[in-house]
Amino acid sequence: MEIRIGIQHSPRELVIESDENAEAVLERLGAAVADGSPVTLVDDKGKKVLIPGAKLAYAEVSTEEPRRVGFLG
């Protein structure tokens, strides 16, 4: 799944590809926003990203299948 995260006062968003459960990620991000604590996400290659809960502007989780490349015919 693809996770897009906006950080306050930052013109760019974080984009993370992860194999984690979408509901679990949204629950952890919601808890981080509620109490201002940081949250750690792990991408599909094992890289860890620490996100400040107090500065989280938005999170978008996409569970759609990846775009297909090629021609239909």
C-alpha atoms as a PDB file:
ATOM      1  CA  MET A   1       0.000   0.000   0.000  1.00  0.00           C
ATOM      2  CA  GLU A   2       1.047   3.592  -0.482  1.00  0.00           C
ATOM      3  CA  ILE A   3       1.047   6.035   2.433  1.00  0.00           C
ATOM      4  CA  ARG A   4       1.239   9.794   1.785  1.00  0.00           C
ATOM      5  CA  ILE A   5       1.939  11.971   4.815  1.00  0.00           C
ATOM      6  CA  GLY A   6       1.926  15.752   5.003  1.00  0.00           C
ATOM      7  CA  ILE A   7       3.985  17.532   7.643  1.00  0.00           C
ATOM      8  CA  GLN A   8       3.019  21.033   8.794  1.00  0.00           C
ATOM      9  CA  HIS A   9       5.170  23.844   7.343  1.00  0.00           C
ATOM     10  CA  SER A  10       6.797  21.470   4.844  1.00  0.00           C
ATOM     11  CA  PRO A  11       6.124  21.918   1.118  1.00  0.00           C
ATOM     12  CA  ARG A  12       6.772  18.231   0.348  1.00  0.00           C
ATOM     13  CA  GLU A  13       4.946  15.137   1.489  1.00  0.00           C
ATOM     14  CA  LEU A  14       6.408  11.801   2.551  1.00  0.00           C
ATOM     15  CA  VAL A  15       5.486   8.845   0.352  1.00  0.00           C
ATOM     16  CA  ILE A  16       6.050   5.389   1.810  1.00  0.00           C
ATOM     17  CA  GLU A  17       5.340   2.013   0.213  1.00  0.00           C
ATOM     18  CA  SER A  18       4.547  -0.438   3.003  1.00  0.00           C
ATOM     19  CA  ASP A  19       3.270  -3.967   3.511  1.00  0.00           C
ATOM     20  CA  GLU A  20       1.669  -3.068   6.873  1.00  0.00           C
ATOM     21  CA  ASN A  21      -2.075  -3.321   7.494  1.00  0.00           C
ATOM     22  CA  ALA A  22      -3.855  -0.075   6.470  1.00  0.00           C
ATOM     23  CA  GLU A  23      -6.156  -0.028   9.505  1.00  0.00           C
ATOM     24  CA  ALA A  24      -3.229  -0.530  11.897  1.00  0.00           C
ATOM     25  CA  VAL A  25      -1.260   2.303  10.278  1.00  0.00           C
ATOM     26  CA  LEU A  26      -4.224   4.692  10.470  1.00  0.00           C
ATOM     27  CA  GLU A  27      -4.821   3.756  14.109  1.00  0.00           C
ATOM     28  CA  ARG A  28      -1.162   4.411  15.025  1.00  0.00           C
ATOM     29  CA  LEU A  29      -1.146   7.737  13.160  1.00  0.00           C
ATOM     30  CA  GLY A  30      -4.395   8.790  14.839  1.00  0.00           C
ATOM     31  CA  ALA A  31      -2.986   8.001  18.278  1.00  0.00           C
ATOM     32  CA  ALA A  32       0.187   9.966  17.456  1.00  0.00           C
ATOM     33  CA  VAL A  33      -1.864  13.030  16.456  1.00  0.00           C
ATOM     34  CA  ALA A  34      -4.039  12.754  19.585  1.00  0.00           C
ATOM     35  CA  ASP A  35      -1.165  12.716  22.067  1.00  0.00           C
ATOM     36  CA  GLY A  36       1.574  14.415  19.998  1.00  0.00           C
ATOM     37  CA  SER A  37       3.952  11.468  20.186  1.00  0.00           C
ATOM     38  CA  PRO A  38       6.142  10.364  17.283  1.00  0.00           C
ATOM     39  CA  VAL A  39       5.230   7.291  15.237  1.00  0.00           C
ATOM     40  CA  THR A  40       7.596   4.991  13.328  1.00  0.00           C
ATOM     41  CA  LEU A  41       6.600   3.443  10.006  1.00  0.00           C
ATOM     42  CA  VAL A  42       8.555   0.777   8.129  1.00  0.00           C
ATOM     43  CA  ASP A  43       8.550   0.702   4.336  1.00  0.00           C
ATOM     44  CA  ASP A  44       8.557  -2.438   2.194  1.00  0.00           C
ATOM     45  CA  LYS A  45      12.392  -2.416   2.021  1.00  0.00           C
ATOM     46  CA  GLY A  46      12.828  -2.254   5.808  1.00  0.00           C
ATOM     47  CA  LYS A  47      13.645   1.465   6.041  1.00  0.00           C
ATOM     48  CA  LYS A  48      12.219   3.132   9.168  1.00  0.00           C
ATOM     49  CA  VAL A  49      10.709   6.625   9.109  1.00  0.00           C
ATOM     50  CA  LEU A  50      10.039   8.585  12.318  1.00  0.00           C
ATOM     51  CA  ILE A  51       7.138  11.029  11.991  1.00  0.00           C
ATOM     52  CA  PRO A  52       6.393  13.712  14.601  1.00  0.00           C
ATOM     53  CA  GLY A  53       2.757  13.268  15.657  1.00  0.00           C
ATOM     54  CA  ALA A  54       2.451  16.902  16.745  1.00  0.00           C
ATOM     55  CA  LYS A  55       3.404  18.126  13.236  1.00  0.00           C
ATOM     56  CA  LEU A  56       1.325  15.659  11.201  1.00  0.00           C
ATOM     57  CA  ALA A  57      -0.937  17.583   8.803  1.00  0.00           C
ATOM     58  CA  TYR A  58      -2.632  14.684   6.963  1.00  0.00           C
ATOM     59  CA  ALA A  59      -2.230  11.040   6.021  1.00  0.00           C
ATOM     60  CA  GLU A  60      -3.582   9.314   2.936  1.00  0.00           C
ATOM     61  CA  VAL A  61      -3.547   5.519   2.689  1.00  0.00           C
ATOM     62  CA  SER A  62      -4.113   3.899  -0.682  1.00  0.00           C
ATOM     63  CA  THR A  63      -4.775   0.179  -0.843  1.00  0.00           C
ATOM     64  CA  GLU A  64      -5.460   0.132  -4.569  1.00  0.00           C
ATOM     65  CA  GLU A  65      -3.606  -2.253  -6.812  1.00  0.00           C
ATOM     66  CA  PRO A  66      -0.594  -0.749  -8.619  1.00  0.00           C
ATOM     67  CA  ARG A  67      -0.993   0.934 -11.982  1.00  0.00           C
ATOM     68  CA  ARG A  68      -0.504  -1.278 -14.958  1.00  0.00           C
ATOM     69  CA  VAL A  69       2.049  -0.378 -17.575  1.00  0.00           C
ATOM     70  CA  GLY A  70       1.601  -1.218 -21.222  1.00  0.00           C
ATOM     71  CA  PHE A  71      -0.963  -1.086 -23.948  1.00  0.00           C
ATOM     72  CA  LEU A  72      -4.371  -2.652 -23.975  1.00  0.00           C
ATOM     73  CA  GLY A  73      -5.302  -4.168 -27.204  1.00  0.00           C
END
